[in-house]
Amino acid sequence: MTGLLVLALSCLASGPAGQILSKIPEAPLHARLEAASHALLGRPYLLGPMGEGDAALGDPKPRIRLDSLDCVTFIEQSEALARSRDEASFQSVLDSIRYRNGNVGWGNRNHYMECGWLSSNASRVRLLELPGSIRETRLLELHKFYASHGSERRDSSLTLAYLPRAKAIAWLSDPKNAPRIRGIGFVGKTPHIFLHHTGFLVPSGNGAPPRLRHASQSGTVREEPAAAYLQGKKLFVGIVVWEYLPSP
């Protein structure tokens, strides 16, 4: 059997995750996360493309979907690819990121970035308190949202430190503030939720300011200058940034 035929059969045997994993280098987490998220550039945007894969668990949409992504499924699956060593482990790693304690079910999914995803992934990510950050407390209306899907959750007050808009634009304009890939969340004005969008903050190289790599509602997973993106989004009032930590 020729080498080309072996390669072709190998690709046919692998799913989308396996094909991406085969191209990710054996390297520290940040380099793997850079490669995994870069591999998804150009893929179409689709709001809410993933579910639990079973109507009995909540949403019957697939638990893995790499052909179309929204902002959250983009960062979740990129991270899961970076932390997986093979296709067989990818699903369990993704579930551990996406659900509280890895327990698959709509009610356990980390729907809210600020009070679910970040806290559930506290061993994997660390929020940075950027110089000039302010603290704000908001009442998150969890009860109404979860009750609409038959789950019980109380409303909860959350205090979040974020860098306000003008300072955030200046911070994002400084090349020194992207030494490696990081996560970024954009704070909106809506009183009962903080984070309205998310993505990766990536170094540009050549002394240029950092870029935002994200699944954009404009149509695809793309990159653009992070400061310019925030300048164009008048409804965003600030940012939070987090580091990705090696697996515990």
C-alpha atoms as a PDB file:
ATOM      1  CA  MET A   1       0.000   0.000   0.000  1.00  0.00           C
ATOM      2  CA  THR A   2       1.465   3.342  -1.006  1.00  0.00           C
ATOM      3  CA  GLY A   3       2.094   6.148   1.447  1.00  0.00           C
ATOM      4  CA  LEU A   4      -0.514   8.349  -0.251  1.00  0.00           C
ATOM      5  CA  LEU A   5      -3.152   5.635   0.014  1.00  0.00           C
ATOM      6  CA  VAL A   6      -2.363   5.094   3.710  1.00  0.00           C
ATOM      7  CA  LEU A   7      -2.722   8.839   4.281  1.00  0.00           C
ATOM      8  CA  ALA A   8      -6.021   8.956   2.392  1.00  0.00           C
ATOM      9  CA  LEU A   9      -7.456   6.017   4.351  1.00  0.00           C
ATOM     10  CA  SER A  10      -6.270   7.610   7.604  1.00  0.00           C
ATOM     11  CA  CYS A  11      -8.109  10.854   6.781  1.00  0.00           C
ATOM     12  CA  LEU A  12     -11.279   8.930   5.914  1.00  0.00           C
ATOM     13  CA  ALA A  13     -11.098   7.120   9.246  1.00  0.00           C
ATOM     14  CA  SER A  14     -10.699  10.327  11.213  1.00  0.00           C
ATOM     15  CA  GLY A  15     -13.480  12.740  12.018  1.00  0.00           C
ATOM     16  CA  PRO A  16     -13.124  16.528  11.800  1.00  0.00           C
ATOM     17  CA  ALA A  17     -11.536  16.711  15.243  1.00  0.00           C
ATOM     18  CA  GLY A  18      -9.002  14.029  14.385  1.00  0.00           C
ATOM     19  CA  GLN A  19      -7.983  15.775  11.198  1.00  0.00           C
ATOM     20  CA  ILE A  20      -7.282  19.001  13.108  1.00  0.00           C
ATOM     21  CA  LEU A  21      -5.519  17.183  15.946  1.00  0.00           C
ATOM     22  CA  SER A  22      -3.173  15.519  13.479  1.00  0.00           C
ATOM     23  CA  LYS A  23      -1.856  18.965  12.532  1.00  0.00           C
ATOM     24  CA  ILE A  24      -1.443  20.382  16.059  1.00  0.00           C
ATOM     25  CA  PRO A  25       2.184  20.209  17.218  1.00  0.00           C
ATOM     26  CA  GLU A  26       3.348  18.537  20.394  1.00  0.00           C
ATOM     27  CA  ALA A  27       3.968  21.771  22.253  1.00  0.00           C
ATOM     28  CA  PRO A  28       2.961  23.745  25.363  1.00  0.00           C
ATOM     29  CA  LEU A  29      -0.720  24.554  25.770  1.00  0.00           C
ATOM     30  CA  HIS A  30      -0.508  28.118  24.412  1.00  0.00           C
ATOM     31  CA  ALA A  31       1.084  26.938  21.171  1.00  0.00           C
ATOM     32  CA  ARG A  32      -1.487  24.171  20.792  1.00  0.00           C
ATOM     33  CA  LEU A  33      -4.340  26.611  21.457  1.00  0.00           C
ATOM     34  CA  GLU A  34      -2.918  28.997  18.861  1.00  0.00           C
ATOM     35  CA  ALA A  35      -2.755  26.177  16.291  1.00  0.00           C
ATOM     36  CA  ALA A  36      -6.202  24.767  17.101  1.00  0.00           C
ATOM     37  CA  SER A  37      -8.002  28.109  16.923  1.00  0.00           C
ATOM     38  CA  HIS A  38      -6.090  29.078  13.774  1.00  0.00           C
ATOM     39  CA  ALA A  39      -7.255  25.861  12.087  1.00  0.00           C
ATOM     40  CA  LEU A  40     -10.875  27.009  12.434  1.00  0.00           C
ATOM     41  CA  LEU A  41     -10.385  30.367  10.702  1.00  0.00           C
ATOM     42  CA  GLY A  42     -12.786  30.895   7.807  1.00  0.00           C
ATOM     43  CA  ARG A  43     -15.479  28.531   9.052  1.00  0.00           C
ATOM     44  CA  PRO A  44     -19.059  29.857   8.951  1.00  0.00           C
ATOM     45  CA  TYR A  45     -20.775  31.527  11.892  1.00  0.00           C
ATOM     46  CA  LEU A  46     -23.942  29.864  13.185  1.00  0.00           C
ATOM     47  CA  LEU A  47     -25.672  30.880  16.408  1.00  0.00           C
ATOM     48  CA  GLY A  48     -26.272  27.983  18.790  1.00  0.00           C
ATOM     49  CA  PRO A  49     -24.910  25.174  16.590  1.00  0.00           C
ATOM     50  CA  MET A  50     -24.395  22.652  19.402  1.00  0.00           C
ATOM     51  CA  GLY A  51     -26.497  20.881  21.994  1.00  0.00           C
ATOM     52  CA  GLU A  52     -26.429  17.722  24.071  1.00  0.00           C
ATOM     53  CA  GLY A  53     -26.900  15.352  21.129  1.00  0.00           C
ATOM     54  CA  ASP A  54     -30.019  13.872  22.746  1.00  0.00           C
ATOM     55  CA  ALA A  55     -33.444  15.448  23.306  1.00  0.00           C
ATOM     56  CA  ALA A  56     -33.698  13.619  26.646  1.00  0.00           C
ATOM     57  CA  LEU A  57     -30.641  15.566  27.850  1.00  0.00           C
ATOM     58  CA  GLY A  58     -31.835  18.906  26.506  1.00  0.00           C
ATOM     59  CA  ASP A  59     -30.976  20.064  22.995  1.00  0.00           C
ATOM     60  CA  PRO A  60     -30.733  17.321  20.332  1.00  0.00           C
ATOM     61  CA  LYS A  61     -28.209  19.266  18.244  1.00  0.00           C
ATOM     62  CA  PRO A  62     -24.762  17.583  18.110  1.00  0.00           C
ATOM     63  CA  ARG A  63     -22.292  17.781  21.009  1.00  0.00           C
ATOM     64  CA  ILE A  64     -19.454  18.338  18.550  1.00  0.00           C
ATOM     65  CA  ARG A  65     -19.698  20.605  15.537  1.00  0.00           C
ATOM     66  CA  LEU A  66     -16.622  22.041  13.888  1.00  0.00           C
ATOM     67  CA  ASP A  67     -18.073  23.036  10.516  1.00  0.00           C
ATOM     68  CA  SER A  68     -20.089  26.008  11.898  1.00  0.00           C
ATOM     69  CA  LEU A  69     -19.465  27.865  15.149  1.00  0.00           C
ATOM     70  CA  ASP A  70     -20.614  30.725  17.336  1.00  0.00           C
ATOM     71  CA  CYS A  71     -18.370  32.720  19.635  1.00  0.00           C
ATOM     72  CA  VAL A  72     -18.632  30.359  22.613  1.00  0.00           C
ATOM     73  CA  THR A  73     -18.474  27.052  20.744  1.00  0.00           C
ATOM     74  CA  PHE A  74     -15.422  28.389  18.905  1.00  0.00           C
ATOM     75  CA  ILE A  75     -13.432  28.992  22.089  1.00  0.00           C
ATOM     76  CA  GLU A  76     -14.711  25.812  23.777  1.00  0.00           C
ATOM     77  CA  GLN A  77     -13.807  23.496  20.926  1.00  0.00           C
ATOM     78  CA  SER A  78     -10.480  25.240  20.274  1.00  0.00           C
ATOM     79  CA  GLU A  79      -9.527  24.716  23.908  1.00  0.00           C
ATOM     80  CA  ALA A  80     -10.725  21.106  23.878  1.00  0.00           C
ATOM     81  CA  LEU A  81      -8.594  20.423  20.787  1.00  0.00           C
ATOM     82  CA  ALA A  82      -5.585  22.027  22.478  1.00  0.00           C
ATOM     83  CA  ARG A  83      -6.021  19.889  25.601  1.00  0.00           C
ATOM     84  CA  SER A  84      -6.721  16.594  23.769  1.00  0.00           C
ATOM     85  CA  ARG A  85      -4.090  14.186  22.569  1.00  0.00           C
ATOM     86  CA  ASP A  86      -6.337  12.144  20.286  1.00  0.00           C
ATOM     87  CA  GLU A  87      -9.822  12.125  18.841  1.00  0.00           C
ATOM     88  CA  ALA A  88     -11.038   9.572  21.384  1.00  0.00           C
ATOM     89  CA  SER A  89     -10.409  11.966  24.275  1.00  0.00           C
ATOM     90  CA  PHE A  90     -11.754  15.089  22.550  1.00  0.00           C
ATOM     91  CA  GLN A  91     -15.418  14.567  23.492  1.00  0.00           C
ATOM     92  CA  SER A  92     -14.750  14.049  27.210  1.00  0.00           C
ATOM     93  CA  VAL A  93     -12.412  17.066  27.360  1.00  0.00           C
ATOM     94  CA  LEU A  94     -15.006  19.216  25.591  1.00  0.00           C
ATOM     95  CA  ASP A  95     -17.750  18.030  27.966  1.00  0.00           C
ATOM     96  CA  SER A  96     -15.590  18.913  30.969  1.00  0.00           C
ATOM     97  CA  ILE A  97     -15.214  22.466  29.620  1.00  0.00           C
ATOM     98  CA  ARG A  98     -18.794  22.920  28.480  1.00  0.00           C
ATOM     99  CA  TYR A  99     -20.699  21.422  31.447  1.00  0.00           C
ATOM    100  CA  ARG A 100     -20.519  21.698  35.214  1.00  0.00           C
ATOM    101  CA  ASN A 101     -18.400  18.773  36.436  1.00  0.00           C
ATOM    102  CA  GLY A 102     -18.627  17.327  32.930  1.00  0.00           C
ATOM    103  CA  ASN A 103     -22.242  16.206  33.517  1.00  0.00           C
ATOM    104  CA  VAL A 104     -23.916  16.484  30.120  1.00  0.00           C
ATOM    105  CA  GLY A 105     -27.358  18.080  30.284  1.00  0.00           C
ATOM    106  CA  TRP A 106     -28.913  21.384  29.282  1.00  0.00           C
ATOM    107  CA  GLY A 107     -29.267  22.476  32.915  1.00  0.00           C
ATOM    108  CA  ASN A 108     -25.576  21.797  33.549  1.00  0.00           C
ATOM    109  CA  ARG A 109     -24.303  23.609  30.473  1.00  0.00           C
ATOM    110  CA  ASN A 110     -22.276  26.748  31.180  1.00  0.00           C
ATOM    111  CA  HIS A 111     -24.675  29.088  29.378  1.00  0.00           C
ATOM    112  CA  TYR A 112     -23.455  32.239  31.149  1.00  0.00           C
ATOM    113  CA  MET A 113     -19.784  33.021  30.619  1.00  0.00           C
ATOM    114  CA  GLU A 114     -19.454  35.214  33.688  1.00  0.00           C
ATOM    115  CA  CYS A 115     -21.127  33.049  36.340  1.00  0.00           C
ATOM    116  CA  GLY A 116     -20.959  29.625  34.718  1.00  0.00           C
ATOM    117  CA  TRP A 117     -18.176  29.101  32.210  1.00  0.00           C
ATOM    118  CA  LEU A 118     -15.414  31.040  33.987  1.00  0.00           C
ATOM    119  CA  SER A 119     -16.175  29.643  37.438  1.00  0.00           C
ATOM    120  CA  SER A 120     -16.691  26.083  36.173  1.00  0.00           C
ATOM    121  CA  ASN A 121     -13.312  26.284  34.434  1.00  0.00           C
ATOM    122  CA  ALA A 122     -11.455  27.938  37.320  1.00  0.00           C
ATOM    123  CA  SER A 123      -8.736  25.259  37.235  1.00  0.00           C
ATOM    124  CA  ARG A 124      -8.106  25.942  33.539  1.00  0.00           C
ATOM    125  CA  VAL A 125      -8.381  29.724  33.236  1.00  0.00           C
ATOM    126  CA  ARG A 126      -7.391  32.696  35.385  1.00  0.00           C
ATOM    127  CA  LEU A 127      -9.012  36.109  35.050  1.00  0.00           C
ATOM    128  CA  LEU A 128      -6.537  38.971  34.902  1.00  0.00           C
ATOM    129  CA  GLU A 129      -7.365  42.150  36.808  1.00  0.00           C
ATOM    130  CA  LEU A 130      -5.992  44.705  34.376  1.00  0.00           C
ATOM    131  CA  PRO A 131      -4.645  48.045  35.683  1.00  0.00           C
ATOM    132  CA  GLY A 132      -7.457  50.592  35.752  1.00  0.00           C
ATOM    133  CA  SER A 133     -10.222  47.989  36.090  1.00  0.00           C
ATOM    134  CA  ILE A 134     -13.462  48.897  37.819  1.00  0.00           C
ATOM    135  CA  ARG A 135     -15.873  46.657  39.723  1.00  0.00           C
ATOM    136  CA  GLU A 136     -19.566  46.484  38.994  1.00  0.00           C
ATOM    137  CA  THR A 137     -22.340  44.353  40.485  1.00  0.00           C
ATOM    138  CA  ARG A 138     -25.254  43.151  38.388  1.00  0.00           C
ATOM    139  CA  LEU A 139     -28.209  40.896  39.149  1.00  0.00           C
ATOM    140  CA  LEU A 140     -28.142  38.029  36.669  1.00  0.00           C
ATOM    141  CA  GLU A 141     -31.686  36.892  35.895  1.00  0.00           C
ATOM    142  CA  LEU A 142     -30.966  33.171  35.815  1.00  0.00           C
ATOM    143  CA  HIS A 143     -34.360  31.946  37.023  1.00  0.00           C
ATOM    144  CA  LYS A 144     -36.345  33.097  33.993  1.00  0.00           C
ATOM    145  CA  PHE A 145     -33.791  31.781  31.513  1.00  0.00           C
ATOM    146  CA  TYR A 146     -33.428  28.333  33.071  1.00  0.00           C
ATOM    147  CA  ALA A 147     -37.156  27.967  33.842  1.00  0.00           C
ATOM    148  CA  SER A 148     -37.920  28.422  30.143  1.00  0.00           C
ATOM    149  CA  HIS A 149     -36.179  25.077  29.606  1.00  0.00           C
ATOM    150  CA  GLY A 150     -37.522  23.303  32.674  1.00  0.00           C
ATOM    151  CA  SER A 151     -34.470  23.825  34.882  1.00  0.00           C
ATOM    152  CA  GLU A 152     -34.283  25.517  38.264  1.00  0.00           C
ATOM    153  CA  ARG A 153     -31.777  28.252  39.054  1.00  0.00           C
ATOM    154  CA  ARG A 154     -32.013  31.277  41.321  1.00  0.00           C
ATOM    155  CA  ASP A 155     -31.174  34.801  40.242  1.00  0.00           C
ATOM    156  CA  SER A 156     -27.674  35.681  41.372  1.00  0.00           C
ATOM    157  CA  SER A 157     -25.725  38.870  42.014  1.00  0.00           C
ATOM    158  CA  LEU A 158     -22.250  38.938  40.541  1.00  0.00           C
ATOM    159  CA  THR A 159     -19.462  41.466  40.928  1.00  0.00           C
ATOM    160  CA  LEU A 160     -17.069  41.567  37.994  1.00  0.00           C
ATOM    161  CA  ALA A 161     -13.872  43.572  37.539  1.00  0.00           C
ATOM    162  CA  TYR A 162     -13.469  44.814  33.979  1.00  0.00           C
ATOM    163  CA  LEU A 163     -11.410  47.372  32.101  1.00  0.00           C
ATOM    164  CA  PRO A 164     -13.702  50.219  30.953  1.00  0.00           C
ATOM    165  CA  ARG A 165     -14.026  51.090  27.300  1.00  0.00           C
ATOM    166  CA  ALA A 166     -11.545  53.957  26.801  1.00  0.00           C
ATOM    167  CA  LYS A 167      -8.833  52.255  28.833  1.00  0.00           C
ATOM    168  CA  ALA A 168      -9.582  48.947  27.100  1.00  0.00           C
ATOM    169  CA  ILE A 169      -9.066  50.482  23.656  1.00  0.00           C
ATOM    170  CA  ALA A 170      -5.735  51.935  24.813  1.00  0.00           C
ATOM    171  CA  TRP A 171      -4.713  48.600  26.366  1.00  0.00           C
ATOM    172  CA  LEU A 172      -5.619  46.694  23.203  1.00  0.00           C
ATOM    173  CA  SER A 173      -3.555  49.162  21.164  1.00  0.00           C
ATOM    174  CA  ASP A 174      -0.349  48.226  23.001  1.00  0.00           C
ATOM    175  CA  PRO A 175       1.619  45.337  21.428  1.00  0.00           C
ATOM    176  CA  LYS A 176       3.048  44.391  24.850  1.00  0.00           C
ATOM    177  CA  ASN A 177      -0.381  43.237  26.018  1.00  0.00           C
ATOM    178  CA  ALA A 178      -0.472  40.100  23.875  1.00  0.00           C
ATOM    179  CA  PRO A 179       2.609  38.066  24.818  1.00  0.00           C
ATOM    180  CA  ARG A 180       0.679  34.866  23.948  1.00  0.00           C
ATOM    181  CA  ILE A 181      -2.871  33.788  23.152  1.00  0.00           C
ATOM    182  CA  ARG A 182      -5.433  34.720  25.810  1.00  0.00           C
ATOM    183  CA  GLY A 183      -9.205  34.711  26.173  1.00  0.00           C
ATOM    184  CA  ILE A 184     -11.211  37.930  25.985  1.00  0.00           C
ATOM    185  CA  GLY A 185     -14.808  38.767  26.856  1.00  0.00           C
ATOM    186  CA  PHE A 186     -16.681  41.944  25.946  1.00  0.00           C
ATOM    187  CA  VAL A 187     -18.891  43.598  28.569  1.00  0.00           C
ATOM    188  CA  GLY A 188     -22.179  45.043  27.336  1.00  0.00           C
ATOM    189  CA  LYS A 189     -24.609  47.604  28.710  1.00  0.00           C
ATOM    190  CA  THR A 190     -27.494  45.180  29.367  1.00  0.00           C
ATOM    191  CA  PRO A 191     -28.136  45.351  33.127  1.00  0.00           C
ATOM    192  CA  HIS A 192     -28.769  41.644  33.742  1.00  0.00           C
ATOM    193  CA  ILE A 193     -25.777  40.106  31.948  1.00  0.00           C
ATOM    194  CA  PHE A 194     -22.115  41.075  31.611  1.00  0.00           C
ATOM    195  CA  LEU A 195     -20.456  39.268  28.725  1.00  0.00           C
ATOM    196  CA  HIS A 196     -21.980  39.544  25.257  1.00  0.00           C
ATOM    197  CA  HIS A 197     -19.152  38.232  23.087  1.00  0.00           C
ATOM    198  CA  THR A 198     -15.921  36.297  23.425  1.00  0.00           C
ATOM    199  CA  GLY A 199     -12.881  35.209  21.466  1.00  0.00           C
ATOM    200  CA  PHE A 200      -9.103  34.962  21.628  1.00  0.00           C
ATOM    201  CA  LEU A 201      -6.614  37.781  21.902  1.00  0.00           C
ATOM    202  CA  VAL A 202      -3.629  36.781  19.766  1.00  0.00           C
ATOM    203  CA  PRO A 203      -0.219  38.365  19.147  1.00  0.00           C
ATOM    204  CA  SER A 204       0.168  40.028  15.757  1.00  0.00           C
ATOM    205  CA  GLY A 205       3.949  39.910  15.579  1.00  0.00           C
ATOM    206  CA  ASN A 206       6.170  42.575  14.014  1.00  0.00           C
ATOM    207  CA  GLY A 207       5.437  44.931  16.902  1.00  0.00           C
ATOM    208  CA  ALA A 208       1.762  45.348  15.943  1.00  0.00           C
ATOM    209  CA  PRO A 209      -1.091  45.494  18.493  1.00  0.00           C
ATOM    210  CA  PRO A 210      -2.970  42.272  19.326  1.00  0.00           C
ATOM    211  CA  ARG A 211      -5.685  40.876  17.106  1.00  0.00           C
ATOM    212  CA  LEU A 212      -9.084  39.443  17.968  1.00  0.00           C
ATOM    213  CA  ARG A 213      -9.691  35.914  16.678  1.00  0.00           C
ATOM    214  CA  HIS A 214     -13.380  35.140  17.013  1.00  0.00           C
ATOM    215  CA  ALA A 215     -16.516  33.672  15.474  1.00  0.00           C
ATOM    216  CA  SER A 216     -18.075  36.866  14.160  1.00  0.00           C
ATOM    217  CA  GLN A 217     -21.747  37.465  13.492  1.00  0.00           C
ATOM    218  CA  SER A 218     -20.506  39.105  10.296  1.00  0.00           C
ATOM    219  CA  GLY A 219     -20.242  35.606   8.904  1.00  0.00           C
ATOM    220  CA  THR A 220     -17.079  33.621   9.704  1.00  0.00           C
ATOM    221  CA  VAL A 221     -14.367  32.816  12.204  1.00  0.00           C
ATOM    222  CA  ARG A 222     -11.922  35.626  11.505  1.00  0.00           C
ATOM    223  CA  GLU A 223      -9.163  37.875  12.812  1.00  0.00           C
ATOM    224  CA  GLU A 224      -9.148  41.655  13.025  1.00  0.00           C
ATOM    225  CA  PRO A 225      -7.362  44.318  15.089  1.00  0.00           C
ATOM    226  CA  ALA A 226      -8.767  44.044  18.608  1.00  0.00           C
ATOM    227  CA  ALA A 227      -8.737  47.771  19.396  1.00  0.00           C
ATOM    228  CA  ALA A 228     -10.479  48.655  16.138  1.00  0.00           C
ATOM    229  CA  TYR A 229     -13.119  46.002  16.798  1.00  0.00           C
ATOM    230  CA  LEU A 230     -13.938  47.474  20.203  1.00  0.00           C
ATOM    231  CA  GLN A 231     -13.969  51.014  18.797  1.00  0.00           C
ATOM    232  CA  GLY A 232     -16.622  49.938  16.315  1.00  0.00           C
ATOM    233  CA  LYS A 233     -18.844  48.292  18.926  1.00  0.00           C
ATOM    234  CA  LYS A 234     -20.438  51.206  20.776  1.00  0.00           C
ATOM    235  CA  LEU A 235     -22.608  48.962  22.959  1.00  0.00           C
ATOM    236  CA  PHE A 236     -19.571  47.311  24.581  1.00  0.00           C
ATOM    237  CA  VAL A 237     -18.419  49.139  27.711  1.00  0.00           C
ATOM    238  CA  GLY A 238     -15.291  47.175  28.564  1.00  0.00           C
ATOM    239  CA  ILE A 239     -13.359  43.907  28.494  1.00  0.00           C
ATOM    240  CA  VAL A 240     -12.178  41.060  30.678  1.00  0.00           C
ATOM    241  CA  VAL A 241      -9.129  38.970  29.785  1.00  0.00           C
ATOM    242  CA  TRP A 242      -8.059  35.546  31.015  1.00  0.00           C
ATOM    243  CA  GLU A 243      -5.026  33.307  30.803  1.00  0.00           C
ATOM    244  CA  TYR A 244      -5.233  29.630  29.881  1.00  0.00           C
ATOM    245  CA  LEU A 245      -3.554  27.354  32.423  1.00  0.00           C
ATOM    246  CA  PRO A 246      -2.009  23.931  31.824  1.00  0.00           C
ATOM    247  CA  SER A 247      -4.322  21.050  32.651  1.00  0.00           C
ATOM    248  CA  PRO A 248      -4.417  20.318  36.390  1.00  0.00           C
END
